[in-house]
Every structure is written in C-alpha cells, then in structure tokens.
C-alpha cells in the first residue's frame, strides 16, 4: 500500500491555490493563469498512463518510440454554479517496435496497471482513440 499526501493552501489571486506534494509545488486556478482542477485531473490520467507505458515497455523490452496522450474532459452544468465531469476521451499517439496485434496487448497491459486510469474508469466513461 502507498499513501500520497498533498497539502493545499489558498493564495492570491482570489481563485488560486498552491499544492505541495513531495518536494514539488503546483498551482491551480480557475481564471486561466494556471491549469484548472479539471486540467490537473486529465493530466493525472495522462501522466499515469504514460508512466505505466514506460514501465511496461522497460519490463517487456519494448522500444517505446513515441507516447503522447491528449485528453478531453467533458463536463455538464448542473445549475446553481455546479458542474461535474461526465466523461473522458483520450487520444493516444503511440509508436513502438511491436506488430499491431502485440501493440494492442501492450496497450491493454498498460491500461491494466495504470492506477489512476483504473480508478477513474470505475467512475466515468472513458473512450480511447488510437492513432
């Protein structure tokens, strides 16, 4: 089991917060001066998949030539200033030294071991588009 801790403090400008995790800091904002919470959510999914791809490639001795993910997070307005994320579409550009059938197995394995992807998949519909 692992435990992750993030400390968040409000700061100026008004809608900005600073997040401290390990030895790093990241700023979150809703006014376009920094990524929004939804941007970080999508980035967390992308980051976990990309890191998992590197780990699987290394363990299986697969040449990972390119791996780029672009995720669209769709939200719905619930009224009264409320909204929620309703789904994700992940565009995945992946090049390896594997044949198509083996690359499909590689992708399945990567998604299977991606902690954040598996957690989010249990809560939201996720569509993956490969190119």
C-alpha atoms as a PDB file:
ATOM      1  CA  UNK A   1       0.000   0.000   0.000  1.00  0.00           C
ATOM      2  CA  UNK A   2       1.126   3.537  -0.725  1.00  0.00           C
ATOM      3  CA  UNK A   3      -0.038   6.795   0.792  1.00  0.00           C
ATOM      4  CA  UNK A   4       0.094  10.076  -1.111  1.00  0.00           C
ATOM      5  CA  UNK A   5      -0.247  13.413   0.622  1.00  0.00           C
ATOM      6  CA  UNK A   6      -0.959  16.792  -0.971  1.00  0.00           C
ATOM      7  CA  UNK A   7      -1.273  19.968   1.082  1.00  0.00           C
ATOM      8  CA  UNK A   8      -3.347  22.765  -0.454  1.00  0.00           C
ATOM      9  CA  UNK A   9      -3.408  26.419   0.654  1.00  0.00           C
ATOM     10  CA  UNK A  10      -5.365  29.349  -0.742  1.00  0.00           C
ATOM     11  CA  UNK A  11      -3.358  32.273  -2.061  1.00  0.00           C
ATOM     12  CA  UNK A  12      -3.673  35.379  -4.214  1.00  0.00           C
ATOM     13  CA  UNK A  13      -5.109  35.979  -6.768  1.00  0.00           C
ATOM     14  CA  UNK A  14      -8.508  35.130  -5.390  1.00  0.00           C
ATOM     15  CA  UNK A  15      -9.209  31.791  -7.125  1.00  0.00           C
ATOM     16  CA  UNK A  16      -5.676  30.399  -6.936  1.00  0.00           C
ATOM     17  CA  UNK A  17      -4.349  27.649  -4.678  1.00  0.00           C
ATOM     18  CA  UNK A  18      -0.880  26.227  -4.107  1.00  0.00           C
ATOM     19  CA  UNK A  19      -0.498  22.480  -3.786  1.00  0.00           C
ATOM     20  CA  UNK A  20       2.540  20.913  -2.159  1.00  0.00           C
ATOM     21  CA  UNK A  21       3.368  17.304  -2.962  1.00  0.00           C
ATOM     22  CA  UNK A  22       6.642  15.660  -2.023  1.00  0.00           C
ATOM     23  CA  UNK A  23       9.319  18.251  -2.883  1.00  0.00           C
ATOM     24  CA  UNK A  24       7.263  19.981  -5.569  1.00  0.00           C
ATOM     25  CA  UNK A  25       4.563  22.584  -5.837  1.00  0.00           C
ATOM     26  CA  UNK A  26       1.837  23.094  -8.411  1.00  0.00           C
ATOM     27  CA  UNK A  27      -0.586  25.971  -8.698  1.00  0.00           C
ATOM     28  CA  UNK A  28      -4.235  25.573  -9.576  1.00  0.00           C
ATOM     29  CA  UNK A  29      -6.581  28.332 -10.739  1.00  0.00           C
ATOM     30  CA  UNK A  30      -9.960  28.766 -12.379  1.00  0.00           C
ATOM     31  CA  UNK A  31      -9.106  32.080 -14.050  1.00  0.00           C
ATOM     32  CA  UNK A  32      -6.704  30.850 -16.782  1.00  0.00           C
ATOM     33  CA  UNK A  33      -3.471  31.959 -15.078  1.00  0.00           C
ATOM     34  CA  UNK A  34      -2.761  28.306 -14.204  1.00  0.00           C
ATOM     35  CA  UNK A  35      -4.299  24.916 -15.015  1.00  0.00           C
ATOM     36  CA  UNK A  36      -7.733  24.299 -13.509  1.00  0.00           C
ATOM     37  CA  UNK A  37      -8.603  21.351 -11.259  1.00  0.00           C
ATOM     38  CA  UNK A  38     -10.126  19.612 -14.311  1.00  0.00           C
ATOM     39  CA  UNK A  39      -6.895  20.173 -16.280  1.00  0.00           C
ATOM     40  CA  UNK A  40      -4.916  18.540 -13.455  1.00  0.00           C
ATOM     41  CA  UNK A  41      -7.417  15.674 -13.329  1.00  0.00           C
ATOM     42  CA  UNK A  42      -6.935  14.994 -17.048  1.00  0.00           C
ATOM     43  CA  UNK A  43      -3.180  15.430 -16.625  1.00  0.00           C
ATOM     44  CA  UNK A  44      -3.127  12.895 -13.801  1.00  0.00           C
ATOM     45  CA  UNK A  45      -4.817  10.307 -16.031  1.00  0.00           C
ATOM     46  CA  UNK A  46      -2.395  11.053 -18.899  1.00  0.00           C
ATOM     47  CA  UNK A  47       0.649  11.012 -16.633  1.00  0.00           C
ATOM     48  CA  UNK A  48      -0.235   7.691 -15.064  1.00  0.00           C
ATOM     49  CA  UNK A  49      -0.843   6.046 -18.458  1.00  0.00           C
ATOM     50  CA  UNK A  50       2.417   7.450 -19.893  1.00  0.00           C
ATOM     51  CA  UNK A  51       4.479   6.387 -16.872  1.00  0.00           C
ATOM     52  CA  UNK A  52       2.831   2.954 -16.946  1.00  0.00           C
ATOM     53  CA  UNK A  53       3.688   2.681 -20.665  1.00  0.00           C
ATOM     54  CA  UNK A  54       7.341   3.391 -19.904  1.00  0.00           C
ATOM     55  CA  UNK A  55       7.388   0.857 -17.081  1.00  0.00           C
ATOM     56  CA  UNK A  56       5.730  -1.875 -19.149  1.00  0.00           C
ATOM     57  CA  UNK A  57       7.982  -1.118 -22.130  1.00  0.00           C
ATOM     58  CA  UNK A  58      11.068  -1.405 -19.936  1.00  0.00           C
ATOM     59  CA  UNK A  59       9.962  -4.656 -18.299  1.00  0.00           C
ATOM     60  CA  UNK A  60       8.970  -6.218 -21.652  1.00  0.00           C
ATOM     61  CA  UNK A  61      11.983  -4.754 -23.515  1.00  0.00           C
ATOM     62  CA  UNK A  62       9.724  -2.907 -25.964  1.00  0.00           C
ATOM     63  CA  UNK A  63      11.081   0.131 -27.775  1.00  0.00           C
ATOM     64  CA  UNK A  64       8.739   2.989 -26.912  1.00  0.00           C
ATOM     65  CA  UNK A  65       9.362   5.381 -29.808  1.00  0.00           C
ATOM     66  CA  UNK A  66       6.537   7.855 -29.142  1.00  0.00           C
ATOM     67  CA  UNK A  67       3.844   8.170 -26.500  1.00  0.00           C
ATOM     68  CA  UNK A  68       1.633  11.245 -26.422  1.00  0.00           C
ATOM     69  CA  UNK A  69      -1.775  11.492 -24.806  1.00  0.00           C
ATOM     70  CA  UNK A  70      -4.322  14.278 -25.207  1.00  0.00           C
ATOM     71  CA  UNK A  71      -7.389  14.023 -23.015  1.00  0.00           C
ATOM     72  CA  UNK A  72     -10.645  15.906 -23.315  1.00  0.00           C
ATOM     73  CA  UNK A  73     -12.667  16.041 -20.113  1.00  0.00           C
ATOM     74  CA  UNK A  74     -16.337  16.728 -20.707  1.00  0.00           C
ATOM     75  CA  UNK A  75     -18.341  18.487 -18.014  1.00  0.00           C
ATOM     76  CA  UNK A  76     -22.027  19.132 -17.575  1.00  0.00           C
ATOM     77  CA  UNK A  77     -23.597  22.135 -15.923  1.00  0.00           C
ATOM     78  CA  UNK A  78     -25.837  21.088 -13.060  1.00  0.00           C
ATOM     79  CA  UNK A  79     -27.112  24.623 -12.417  1.00  0.00           C
ATOM     80  CA  UNK A  80     -26.527  26.903  -9.451  1.00  0.00           C
ATOM     81  CA  UNK A  81     -22.807  27.104 -10.281  1.00  0.00           C
ATOM     82  CA  UNK A  82     -22.329  23.338 -10.043  1.00  0.00           C
ATOM     83  CA  UNK A  83     -20.774  21.106 -12.670  1.00  0.00           C
ATOM     84  CA  UNK A  84     -19.277  17.641 -12.858  1.00  0.00           C
ATOM     85  CA  UNK A  85     -17.006  15.668 -15.154  1.00  0.00           C
ATOM     86  CA  UNK A  86     -19.162  13.342 -17.251  1.00  0.00           C
ATOM     87  CA  UNK A  87     -16.550  11.528 -19.316  1.00  0.00           C
ATOM     88  CA  UNK A  88     -13.100  11.484 -20.871  1.00  0.00           C
ATOM     89  CA  UNK A  89     -11.867  10.991 -24.411  1.00  0.00           C
ATOM     90  CA  UNK A  90      -8.205  10.054 -24.578  1.00  0.00           C
ATOM     91  CA  UNK A  91      -6.389  10.488 -27.892  1.00  0.00           C
ATOM     92  CA  UNK A  92      -3.296   8.280 -27.713  1.00  0.00           C
ATOM     93  CA  UNK A  93      -0.466   8.533 -30.213  1.00  0.00           C
ATOM     94  CA  UNK A  94       1.747   5.513 -29.596  1.00  0.00           C
ATOM     95  CA  UNK A  95       4.619   4.088 -31.623  1.00  0.00           C
ATOM     96  CA  UNK A  96       6.528   1.008 -30.577  1.00  0.00           C
ATOM     97  CA  UNK A  97       8.554  -1.679 -32.309  1.00  0.00           C
ATOM     98  CA  UNK A  98       5.639  -4.128 -31.927  1.00  0.00           C
ATOM     99  CA  UNK A  99       3.336  -5.532 -34.606  1.00  0.00           C
ATOM    100  CA  UNK A 100      -0.279  -4.322 -34.412  1.00  0.00           C
ATOM    101  CA  UNK A 101      -1.628  -7.355 -32.523  1.00  0.00           C
ATOM    102  CA  UNK A 102       1.220  -7.231 -29.989  1.00  0.00           C
ATOM    103  CA  UNK A 103       0.822  -3.470 -29.576  1.00  0.00           C
ATOM    104  CA  UNK A 104      -2.876  -3.980 -28.772  1.00  0.00           C
ATOM    105  CA  UNK A 105      -1.842  -6.403 -25.992  1.00  0.00           C
ATOM    106  CA  UNK A 106       0.755  -3.876 -24.805  1.00  0.00           C
ATOM    107  CA  UNK A 107      -1.915  -1.155 -24.586  1.00  0.00           C
ATOM    108  CA  UNK A 108      -4.264  -3.444 -22.647  1.00  0.00           C
ATOM    109  CA  UNK A 109      -1.456  -4.254 -20.208  1.00  0.00           C
ATOM    110  CA  UNK A 110      -0.540  -0.584 -19.761  1.00  0.00           C
ATOM    111  CA  UNK A 111      -4.148   0.373 -19.001  1.00  0.00           C
ATOM    112  CA  UNK A 112      -4.496  -2.597 -16.638  1.00  0.00           C
ATOM    113  CA  UNK A 113      -1.553  -1.445 -14.486  1.00  0.00           C
ATOM    114  CA  UNK A 114      -2.349   2.288 -14.595  1.00  0.00           C
ATOM    115  CA  UNK A 115      -3.632   3.095 -11.100  1.00  0.00           C
ATOM    116  CA  UNK A 116      -5.257   6.415 -11.950  1.00  0.00           C
ATOM    117  CA  UNK A 117      -6.820   5.134 -15.187  1.00  0.00           C
ATOM    118  CA  UNK A 118      -8.328   2.117 -13.408  1.00  0.00           C
ATOM    119  CA  UNK A 119      -9.697   4.302 -10.602  1.00  0.00           C
ATOM    120  CA  UNK A 120     -11.268   6.833 -12.963  1.00  0.00           C
ATOM    121  CA  UNK A 121     -12.597   4.124 -15.315  1.00  0.00           C
ATOM    122  CA  UNK A 122     -14.651   2.759 -12.422  1.00  0.00           C
ATOM    123  CA  UNK A 123     -16.370   6.158 -12.053  1.00  0.00           C
ATOM    124  CA  UNK A 124     -16.584   7.660 -15.552  1.00  0.00           C
ATOM    125  CA  UNK A 125     -16.948   6.550 -19.153  1.00  0.00           C
ATOM    126  CA  UNK A 126     -13.595   6.731 -20.935  1.00  0.00           C
ATOM    127  CA  UNK A 127     -13.162   6.483 -24.679  1.00  0.00           C
ATOM    128  CA  UNK A 128      -9.693   5.780 -26.039  1.00  0.00           C
ATOM    129  CA  UNK A 129      -8.859   6.739 -29.620  1.00  0.00           C
ATOM    130  CA  UNK A 130      -5.590   5.407 -31.007  1.00  0.00           C
ATOM    131  CA  UNK A 131      -3.725   6.915 -33.923  1.00  0.00           C
END
